[in-house]
Every structure is written in C-alpha cells, then in structure tokens.
Amino acid sequence: MANYKILENDIKLCRKCHLRDTCNQVVPGDGNPETEIMFIGEAPGAEEDKQGIPFVGAAGKFLNQMLRTINLKREDIFIANVLKCRPPANRDPLPEEVAACWPWLLEQIQTIKPKLIVLLGRHAMERFLPNQKISQIHGTALRREIDGIGKQVFYALYHPAAALYQGSLRETLLKDFKRIPKVVEAIEKSGEIANVQKVKAEPENRFEEKIKQEKLF
C-alpha cells in the first residue's frame, strides 16, 4: 500500500505531455492496490477530471452496477486508465499521449500485480492486445507476455459507455462481466497461468491467435 501511495503521488505531479496544461487534474486511479482484479479504461472524462477519480460519470455508475452483480464493490478492485489526463473534448488519445502515460500504467501494474486485467473498450484493448477486434474477442481471456510485466491474463470487454449508447451491447456486456469470477477462479485453480483452461467462451468469441497472444479459454 505504501509503495502505491508513493507512485500515486508521483503520477499526480506528472507533466510529461501537453494534456496536463488542458485538464484540471491528473487522475491516477482508484480502489484497492492489493486487489486481484484491475480494470483499465481509456481516459478520464469531464466528471473524472473534476473529481480526480476514474469512472464516476454515467459509465462509472453502470460499472458499479455490474460490479454488484458479481458481489464486488469499487473498494474490492482497482480502476485506472491508459491516459491519466483528460483529452480536450473527450477526443481519442493520440499516440504520443499514450506513450507518455505508458510508463505510469506499467508501474501501476507492476506494483499491484493483479491476477486478471479487465480491459474496458477498444483503446485499452489495443494497448495490450494489438491487432484484434473487440467484437471478436470480448468475453475471451487471453494470456500475453508484456515487456516489463511478464505473462499476464487479460479479459476484454466492451466499454460501459458503449452499452449506454448502444442498448444492444448491454446484455452482451453484462453476460461477459458475470464471467469474471470464473476467470479468476480458473487462474487460481490452475496454479500456473499457462494451464488455465477451465472456462469456455461463447463460440462466437473464438478467434485466430496472434503472435505472443494465447487464448486461455
């Protein structure tokens, strides 16, 4: 916990890119740094920029609702974003902005050491599972080796905001979300991440494996 507080304070002082000049404050993350489950989204929005906490707007409220469906609270998990500062007008992150924030996110993962990283939306997915389509891999657990992290299990989901704007995605997201405890249980029972094959994804979520990525179940 102490190590994470030091890291959080360092992140709040960051001025590595121009976004710090246009946002109200840096938004490092929120939750339990000793958790087994880490959620990663895209970037802070307007409300997050005001409060300094990720996922507190409409999408955050929906995320809280989904957490309750699997008997978890925000205090039980950790939530962060690829970007720590809000892009103007909530535009998509630029490559140089992502590159500037990457060392912070990497250090957060190294410090927290989650068993499972849940990727919320395509921007977070692209950072860790490149060259994939979220429409194909949502609800699928994959292991990938990341420089600086090692072998890590990832679980991609549609972003909660997407479900708010596209009602057809709501049931899909809820269904995928409810599988999270089974994914964690499978990781724990395996004893070694390489052998996790306990939970079956839906047939439509199967996809051709890419280099350095391995589908687990």
C-alpha atoms as a PDB file:
ATOM      1  CA  MET A   1       0.000   0.000   0.000  1.00  0.00           C
ATOM      2  CA  ALA A   2       2.786   2.443   0.941  1.00  0.00           C
ATOM      3  CA  ASN A   3       4.613   1.795  -2.328  1.00  0.00           C
ATOM      4  CA  TYR A   4       1.481   2.527  -4.305  1.00  0.00           C
ATOM      5  CA  LYS A   5       0.858   5.813  -2.455  1.00  0.00           C
ATOM      6  CA  ILE A   6       4.337   6.977  -3.432  1.00  0.00           C
ATOM      7  CA  LEU A   7       3.651   6.032  -7.052  1.00  0.00           C
ATOM      8  CA  GLU A   8       0.285   7.783  -6.998  1.00  0.00           C
ATOM      9  CA  ASN A   9       1.858  11.000  -5.749  1.00  0.00           C
ATOM     10  CA  ASP A  10       4.480  10.812  -8.493  1.00  0.00           C
ATOM     11  CA  ILE A  11       1.762  10.377 -11.131  1.00  0.00           C
ATOM     12  CA  LYS A  12      -0.111  13.414  -9.825  1.00  0.00           C
ATOM     13  CA  LEU A  13       2.998  15.534 -10.394  1.00  0.00           C
ATOM     14  CA  CYS A  14       3.452  14.346 -13.987  1.00  0.00           C
ATOM     15  CA  ARG A  15       3.895  16.914 -16.758  1.00  0.00           C
ATOM     16  CA  LYS A  16       5.278  14.598 -19.450  1.00  0.00           C
ATOM     17  CA  CYS A  17       2.832  15.757 -22.120  1.00  0.00           C
ATOM     18  CA  HIS A  18       0.697  18.771 -23.040  1.00  0.00           C
ATOM     19  CA  LEU A  19      -2.514  17.271 -21.622  1.00  0.00           C
ATOM     20  CA  ARG A  20      -1.576  18.490 -18.147  1.00  0.00           C
ATOM     21  CA  ASP A  21      -1.960  22.049 -19.460  1.00  0.00           C
ATOM     22  CA  THR A  22      -5.557  21.484 -20.591  1.00  0.00           C
ATOM     23  CA  CYS A  23      -7.007  19.298 -17.822  1.00  0.00           C
ATOM     24  CA  ASN A  24      -7.992  20.209 -14.266  1.00  0.00           C
ATOM     25  CA  GLN A  25      -6.001  17.458 -12.608  1.00  0.00           C
ATOM     26  CA  VAL A  26      -4.221  14.144 -13.090  1.00  0.00           C
ATOM     27  CA  VAL A  27      -6.378  11.062 -12.423  1.00  0.00           C
ATOM     28  CA  PRO A  28      -4.049   8.198 -11.386  1.00  0.00           C
ATOM     29  CA  GLY A  29      -6.591   5.537 -10.414  1.00  0.00           C
ATOM     30  CA  ASP A  30      -8.878   4.411  -7.622  1.00  0.00           C
ATOM     31  CA  GLY A  31      -9.551   1.364  -5.496  1.00  0.00           C
ATOM     32  CA  ASN A  32      -7.597  -1.341  -3.723  1.00  0.00           C
ATOM     33  CA  PRO A  33      -3.940  -1.570  -4.846  1.00  0.00           C
ATOM     34  CA  GLU A  34      -3.748  -5.056  -3.290  1.00  0.00           C
ATOM     35  CA  THR A  35      -6.577  -6.451  -5.415  1.00  0.00           C
ATOM     36  CA  GLU A  36      -6.539  -9.469  -7.724  1.00  0.00           C
ATOM     37  CA  ILE A  37      -8.557  -7.664 -10.423  1.00  0.00           C
ATOM     38  CA  MET A  38      -7.511  -4.481 -12.186  1.00  0.00           C
ATOM     39  CA  PHE A  39      -9.750  -2.635 -14.654  1.00  0.00           C
ATOM     40  CA  ILE A  40      -8.232  -0.397 -17.309  1.00  0.00           C
ATOM     41  CA  GLY A  41     -10.202   2.070 -19.410  1.00  0.00           C
ATOM     42  CA  GLU A  42      -9.332   4.742 -21.951  1.00  0.00           C
ATOM     43  CA  ALA A  43      -9.066   8.164 -20.292  1.00  0.00           C
ATOM     44  CA  PRO A  44     -10.755  10.442 -17.746  1.00  0.00           C
ATOM     45  CA  GLY A  45     -13.905  12.232 -18.878  1.00  0.00           C
ATOM     46  CA  ALA A  46     -15.312  15.575 -17.740  1.00  0.00           C
ATOM     47  CA  GLU A  47     -16.638  14.343 -14.400  1.00  0.00           C
ATOM     48  CA  GLU A  48     -13.489  12.314 -13.704  1.00  0.00           C
ATOM     49  CA  ASP A  49     -11.407  15.409 -14.441  1.00  0.00           C
ATOM     50  CA  LYS A  50     -13.415  17.351 -11.849  1.00  0.00           C
ATOM     51  CA  GLN A  51     -13.308  14.745  -9.098  1.00  0.00           C
ATOM     52  CA  GLY A  52      -9.897  13.189  -9.738  1.00  0.00           C
ATOM     53  CA  ILE A  53     -11.407   9.686  -9.704  1.00  0.00           C
ATOM     54  CA  PRO A  54     -11.835   7.369 -12.731  1.00  0.00           C
ATOM     55  CA  PHE A  55     -15.258   6.123 -13.825  1.00  0.00           C
ATOM     56  CA  VAL A  56     -17.534   8.397 -11.791  1.00  0.00           C
ATOM     57  CA  GLY A  57     -19.800   9.564 -14.634  1.00  0.00           C
ATOM     58  CA  ALA A  58     -22.667   7.644 -16.226  1.00  0.00           C
ATOM     59  CA  ALA A  59     -20.350   4.853 -17.416  1.00  0.00           C
ATOM     60  CA  GLY A  60     -18.932   4.620 -13.896  1.00  0.00           C
ATOM     61  CA  LYS A  61     -22.374   4.206 -12.387  1.00  0.00           C
ATOM     62  CA  PHE A  62     -23.073   1.369 -14.807  1.00  0.00           C
ATOM     63  CA  LEU A  63     -19.732  -0.190 -13.892  1.00  0.00           C
ATOM     64  CA  ASN A  64     -20.715  -0.028 -10.218  1.00  0.00           C
ATOM     65  CA  GLN A  65     -23.977  -1.795 -11.043  1.00  0.00           C
ATOM     66  CA  MET A  66     -22.134  -4.547 -12.879  1.00  0.00           C
ATOM     67  CA  LEU A  67     -19.711  -4.979 -10.004  1.00  0.00           C
ATOM     68  CA  ARG A  68     -22.659  -5.586  -7.686  1.00  0.00           C
ATOM     69  CA  THR A  69     -23.854  -8.408  -9.946  1.00  0.00           C
ATOM     70  CA  ILE A  70     -20.665 -10.307  -9.072  1.00  0.00           C
ATOM     71  CA  ASN A  71     -20.711  -9.253  -5.394  1.00  0.00           C
ATOM     72  CA  LEU A  72     -17.891  -6.740  -5.673  1.00  0.00           C
ATOM     73  CA  LYS A  73     -17.534  -3.054  -4.825  1.00  0.00           C
ATOM     74  CA  ARG A  74     -15.115  -0.459  -6.134  1.00  0.00           C
ATOM     75  CA  GLU A  75     -13.155  -0.917  -2.902  1.00  0.00           C
ATOM     76  CA  ASP A  76     -12.511  -4.530  -3.913  1.00  0.00           C
ATOM     77  CA  ILE A  77     -10.889  -3.805  -7.275  1.00  0.00           C
ATOM     78  CA  PHE A  78      -8.599  -1.192  -8.819  1.00  0.00           C
ATOM     79  CA  ILE A  79      -9.547   1.053 -11.730  1.00  0.00           C
ATOM     80  CA  ALA A  80      -7.135   3.008 -13.911  1.00  0.00           C
ATOM     81  CA  ASN A  81      -6.972   4.415 -17.428  1.00  0.00           C
ATOM     82  CA  VAL A  82      -4.476   4.329 -20.263  1.00  0.00           C
ATOM     83  CA  LEU A  83      -4.317   8.135 -20.049  1.00  0.00           C
ATOM     84  CA  LYS A  84      -4.111   9.878 -16.692  1.00  0.00           C
ATOM     85  CA  CYS A  85      -5.291  13.266 -18.005  1.00  0.00           C
ATOM     86  CA  ARG A  86      -8.487  14.121 -19.874  1.00  0.00           C
ATOM     87  CA  PRO A  87      -8.047  14.792 -23.608  1.00  0.00           C
ATOM     88  CA  PRO A  88      -9.784  18.003 -24.734  1.00  0.00           C
ATOM     89  CA  ALA A  89     -13.467  17.419 -25.548  1.00  0.00           C
ATOM     90  CA  ASN A  90     -13.003  13.719 -24.756  1.00  0.00           C
ATOM     91  CA  ARG A  91     -11.310  13.083 -28.088  1.00  0.00           C
ATOM     92  CA  ASP A  92      -9.454   9.826 -28.743  1.00  0.00           C
ATOM     93  CA  PRO A  93      -5.962   9.566 -27.220  1.00  0.00           C
ATOM     94  CA  LEU A  94      -3.065  10.479 -29.501  1.00  0.00           C
ATOM     95  CA  PRO A  95      -0.144   8.038 -29.864  1.00  0.00           C
ATOM     96  CA  GLU A  96       2.299  10.410 -28.189  1.00  0.00           C
ATOM     97  CA  GLU A  97      -0.077  10.850 -25.240  1.00  0.00           C
ATOM     98  CA  VAL A  98      -0.418   7.107 -24.793  1.00  0.00           C
ATOM     99  CA  ALA A  99       3.367   6.731 -24.993  1.00  0.00           C
ATOM    100  CA  ALA A 100       3.870   9.399 -22.313  1.00  0.00           C
ATOM    101  CA  CYS A 101       1.455   7.693 -19.911  1.00  0.00           C
ATOM    102  CA  TRP A 102       2.559   4.127 -20.608  1.00  0.00           C
ATOM    103  CA  PRO A 103       5.407   4.038 -18.029  1.00  0.00           C
ATOM    104  CA  TRP A 104       2.956   5.092 -15.313  1.00  0.00           C
ATOM    105  CA  LEU A 105       0.445   2.398 -16.222  1.00  0.00           C
ATOM    106  CA  LEU A 106       3.210  -0.174 -16.456  1.00  0.00           C
ATOM    107  CA  GLU A 107       4.453   0.761 -12.984  1.00  0.00           C
ATOM    108  CA  GLN A 108       0.913   0.560 -11.602  1.00  0.00           C
ATOM    109  CA  ILE A 109       0.568  -2.982 -12.924  1.00  0.00           C
ATOM    110  CA  GLN A 110       3.999  -3.927 -11.590  1.00  0.00           C
ATOM    111  CA  THR A 111       3.063  -2.598  -8.148  1.00  0.00           C
ATOM    112  CA  ILE A 112      -0.460  -4.046  -7.951  1.00  0.00           C
ATOM    113  CA  LYS A 113       0.393  -7.396  -9.594  1.00  0.00           C
ATOM    114  CA  PRO A 114      -3.212  -8.329 -10.468  1.00  0.00           C
ATOM    115  CA  LYS A 115      -4.132 -11.866 -11.418  1.00  0.00           C
ATOM    116  CA  LEU A 116      -6.532 -10.512 -14.032  1.00  0.00           C
ATOM    117  CA  ILE A 117      -6.606  -7.268 -16.011  1.00  0.00           C
ATOM    118  CA  VAL A 118     -10.022  -6.395 -17.428  1.00  0.00           C
ATOM    119  CA  LEU A 119      -9.739  -4.142 -20.472  1.00  0.00           C
ATOM    120  CA  LEU A 120     -12.686  -1.782 -20.883  1.00  0.00           C
ATOM    121  CA  GLY A 121     -13.108  -0.782 -24.515  1.00  0.00           C
ATOM    122  CA  ARG A 122     -11.087  -0.881 -27.684  1.00  0.00           C
ATOM    123  CA  HIS A 123      -8.462   1.710 -26.742  1.00  0.00           C
ATOM    124  CA  ALA A 124      -7.386  -0.205 -23.644  1.00  0.00           C
ATOM    125  CA  MET A 125      -7.593  -3.457 -25.597  1.00  0.00           C
ATOM    126  CA  GLU A 126      -5.402  -2.122 -28.406  1.00  0.00           C
ATOM    127  CA  ARG A 127      -2.667  -1.174 -25.962  1.00  0.00           C
ATOM    128  CA  PHE A 128      -2.338  -4.706 -24.601  1.00  0.00           C
ATOM    129  CA  LEU A 129      -3.856  -6.901 -27.325  1.00  0.00           C
ATOM    130  CA  PRO A 130      -2.990  -5.176 -30.605  1.00  0.00           C
ATOM    131  CA  ASN A 131      -4.400  -6.096 -33.994  1.00  0.00           C
ATOM    132  CA  GLN A 132      -7.594  -7.514 -32.525  1.00  0.00           C
ATOM    133  CA  LYS A 133     -11.227  -6.510 -32.834  1.00  0.00           C
ATOM    134  CA  ILE A 134     -13.216  -6.160 -29.658  1.00  0.00           C
ATOM    135  CA  SER A 135     -16.274  -7.512 -31.463  1.00  0.00           C
ATOM    136  CA  GLN A 136     -14.350 -10.781 -31.837  1.00  0.00           C
ATOM    137  CA  ILE A 137     -12.536 -11.126 -28.515  1.00  0.00           C
ATOM    138  CA  HIS A 138     -14.915  -9.633 -25.960  1.00  0.00           C
ATOM    139  CA  GLY A 139     -15.570 -12.126 -23.177  1.00  0.00           C
ATOM    140  CA  THR A 140     -12.408 -14.079 -24.018  1.00  0.00           C
ATOM    141  CA  ALA A 141      -9.482 -14.482 -21.619  1.00  0.00           C
ATOM    142  CA  LEU A 142      -6.039 -14.275 -23.160  1.00  0.00           C
ATOM    143  CA  ARG A 143      -2.526 -14.503 -21.869  1.00  0.00           C
ATOM    144  CA  ARG A 144       0.108 -12.250 -23.361  1.00  0.00           C
ATOM    145  CA  GLU A 145       3.690 -11.563 -22.397  1.00  0.00           C
ATOM    146  CA  ILE A 146       4.289  -7.828 -21.984  1.00  0.00           C
ATOM    147  CA  ASP A 147       7.753  -6.306 -21.628  1.00  0.00           C
ATOM    148  CA  GLY A 148       8.123  -5.105 -18.061  1.00  0.00           C
ATOM    149  CA  ILE A 149       5.150  -7.146 -16.823  1.00  0.00           C
ATOM    150  CA  GLY A 150       5.766 -10.697 -17.964  1.00  0.00           C
ATOM    151  CA  LYS A 151       2.910 -13.126 -18.606  1.00  0.00           C
ATOM    152  CA  GLN A 152      -0.442 -11.613 -17.774  1.00  0.00           C
ATOM    153  CA  VAL A 153      -4.063 -12.664 -18.249  1.00  0.00           C
ATOM    154  CA  PHE A 154      -6.308 -10.122 -19.960  1.00  0.00           C
ATOM    155  CA  TYR A 155     -10.085 -10.108 -20.388  1.00  0.00           C
ATOM    156  CA  ALA A 156     -11.531  -7.663 -22.915  1.00  0.00           C
ATOM    157  CA  LEU A 157     -14.986  -6.143 -22.527  1.00  0.00           C
ATOM    158  CA  TYR A 158     -16.968  -3.504 -24.316  1.00  0.00           C
ATOM    159  CA  HIS A 159     -16.649  -0.120 -22.619  1.00  0.00           C
ATOM    160  CA  PRO A 160     -19.589   0.598 -20.274  1.00  0.00           C
ATOM    161  CA  ALA A 161     -20.229   3.842 -22.166  1.00  0.00           C
ATOM    162  CA  ALA A 162     -20.737   1.871 -25.386  1.00  0.00           C
ATOM    163  CA  ALA A 163     -23.517  -0.115 -23.734  1.00  0.00           C
ATOM    164  CA  LEU A 164     -25.171   3.114 -22.599  1.00  0.00           C
ATOM    165  CA  TYR A 165     -25.238   4.443 -26.151  1.00  0.00           C
ATOM    166  CA  GLN A 166     -25.957   1.120 -27.848  1.00  0.00           C
ATOM    167  CA  GLY A 167     -28.600  -0.797 -25.956  1.00  0.00           C
ATOM    168  CA  SER A 168     -27.881  -3.955 -27.937  1.00  0.00           C
ATOM    169  CA  LEU A 169     -24.462  -4.214 -26.249  1.00  0.00           C
ATOM    170  CA  ARG A 170     -25.852  -4.021 -22.733  1.00  0.00           C
ATOM    171  CA  GLU A 171     -26.792  -7.706 -22.383  1.00  0.00           C
ATOM    172  CA  THR A 172     -23.555  -8.778 -24.053  1.00  0.00           C
ATOM    173  CA  LEU A 173     -21.506  -6.721 -21.611  1.00  0.00           C
ATOM    174  CA  LEU A 174     -23.466  -7.961 -18.607  1.00  0.00           C
ATOM    175  CA  LYS A 175     -23.042 -11.562 -19.722  1.00  0.00           C
ATOM    176  CA  ASP A 176     -19.293 -11.156 -20.253  1.00  0.00           C
ATOM    177  CA  PHE A 177     -18.934  -9.292 -16.965  1.00  0.00           C
ATOM    178  CA  LYS A 178     -20.604 -12.054 -14.961  1.00  0.00           C
ATOM    179  CA  ARG A 179     -17.915 -14.464 -16.179  1.00  0.00           C
ATOM    180  CA  ILE A 180     -15.141 -12.532 -14.386  1.00  0.00           C
ATOM    181  CA  PRO A 181     -15.301 -14.560 -11.116  1.00  0.00           C
ATOM    182  CA  LYS A 182     -14.997 -17.780 -13.106  1.00  0.00           C
ATOM    183  CA  VAL A 183     -11.970 -16.426 -14.914  1.00  0.00           C
ATOM    184  CA  VAL A 184     -10.283 -15.531 -11.612  1.00  0.00           C
ATOM    185  CA  GLU A 185     -11.214 -18.912 -10.144  1.00  0.00           C
ATOM    186  CA  ALA A 186      -9.729 -20.674 -13.146  1.00  0.00           C
ATOM    187  CA  ILE A 187      -6.480 -18.741 -12.782  1.00  0.00           C
ATOM    188  CA  GLU A 188      -6.278 -19.608  -9.096  1.00  0.00           C
ATOM    189  CA  LYS A 189      -7.063 -23.288  -9.602  1.00  0.00           C
ATOM    190  CA  SER A 190      -4.569 -23.668 -12.393  1.00  0.00           C
ATOM    191  CA  GLY A 191      -1.622 -22.886 -10.157  1.00  0.00           C
ATOM    192  CA  GLU A 192       0.164 -21.721 -13.282  1.00  0.00           C
ATOM    193  CA  ILE A 193      -1.341 -19.320 -15.779  1.00  0.00           C
ATOM    194  CA  ALA A 194      -0.148 -21.404 -18.715  1.00  0.00           C
ATOM    195  CA  ASN A 195      -2.511 -24.221 -17.782  1.00  0.00           C
ATOM    196  CA  VAL A 196      -5.718 -22.197 -17.380  1.00  0.00           C
ATOM    197  CA  GLN A 197      -8.404 -23.849 -19.495  1.00  0.00           C
ATOM    198  CA  LYS A 198     -11.386 -24.014 -17.155  1.00  0.00           C
ATOM    199  CA  VAL A 199     -13.932 -21.595 -18.603  1.00  0.00           C
ATOM    200  CA  LYS A 200     -15.325 -21.845 -22.103  1.00  0.00           C
ATOM    201  CA  ALA A 201     -16.013 -18.657 -24.047  1.00  0.00           C
ATOM    202  CA  GLU A 202     -19.006 -18.386 -26.325  1.00  0.00           C
ATOM    203  CA  PRO A 203     -18.383 -19.900 -29.803  1.00  0.00           C
ATOM    204  CA  GLU A 204     -18.783 -16.501 -31.486  1.00  0.00           C
ATOM    205  CA  ASN A 205     -15.915 -15.130 -29.404  1.00  0.00           C
ATOM    206  CA  ARG A 206     -13.342 -17.545 -30.748  1.00  0.00           C
ATOM    207  CA  PHE A 207     -10.654 -16.029 -32.952  1.00  0.00           C
ATOM    208  CA  GLU A 208      -7.388 -16.809 -34.656  1.00  0.00           C
ATOM    209  CA  GLU A 209      -4.487 -16.437 -32.259  1.00  0.00           C
ATOM    210  CA  LYS A 210      -1.836 -13.826 -32.944  1.00  0.00           C
ATOM    211  CA  ILE A 211       1.875 -13.859 -32.216  1.00  0.00           C
ATOM    212  CA  LYS A 212       2.655 -13.542 -28.463  1.00  0.00           C
ATOM    213  CA  GLN A 213      -1.027 -13.956 -27.605  1.00  0.00           C
ATOM    214  CA  GLU A 214      -2.551 -17.164 -26.328  1.00  0.00           C
ATOM    215  CA  LYS A 215      -6.234 -17.773 -25.794  1.00  0.00           C
ATOM    216  CA  LEU A 216      -6.804 -19.411 -22.436  1.00  0.00           C
ATOM    217  CA  PHE A 217     -10.454 -20.348 -22.555  1.00  0.00           C
END
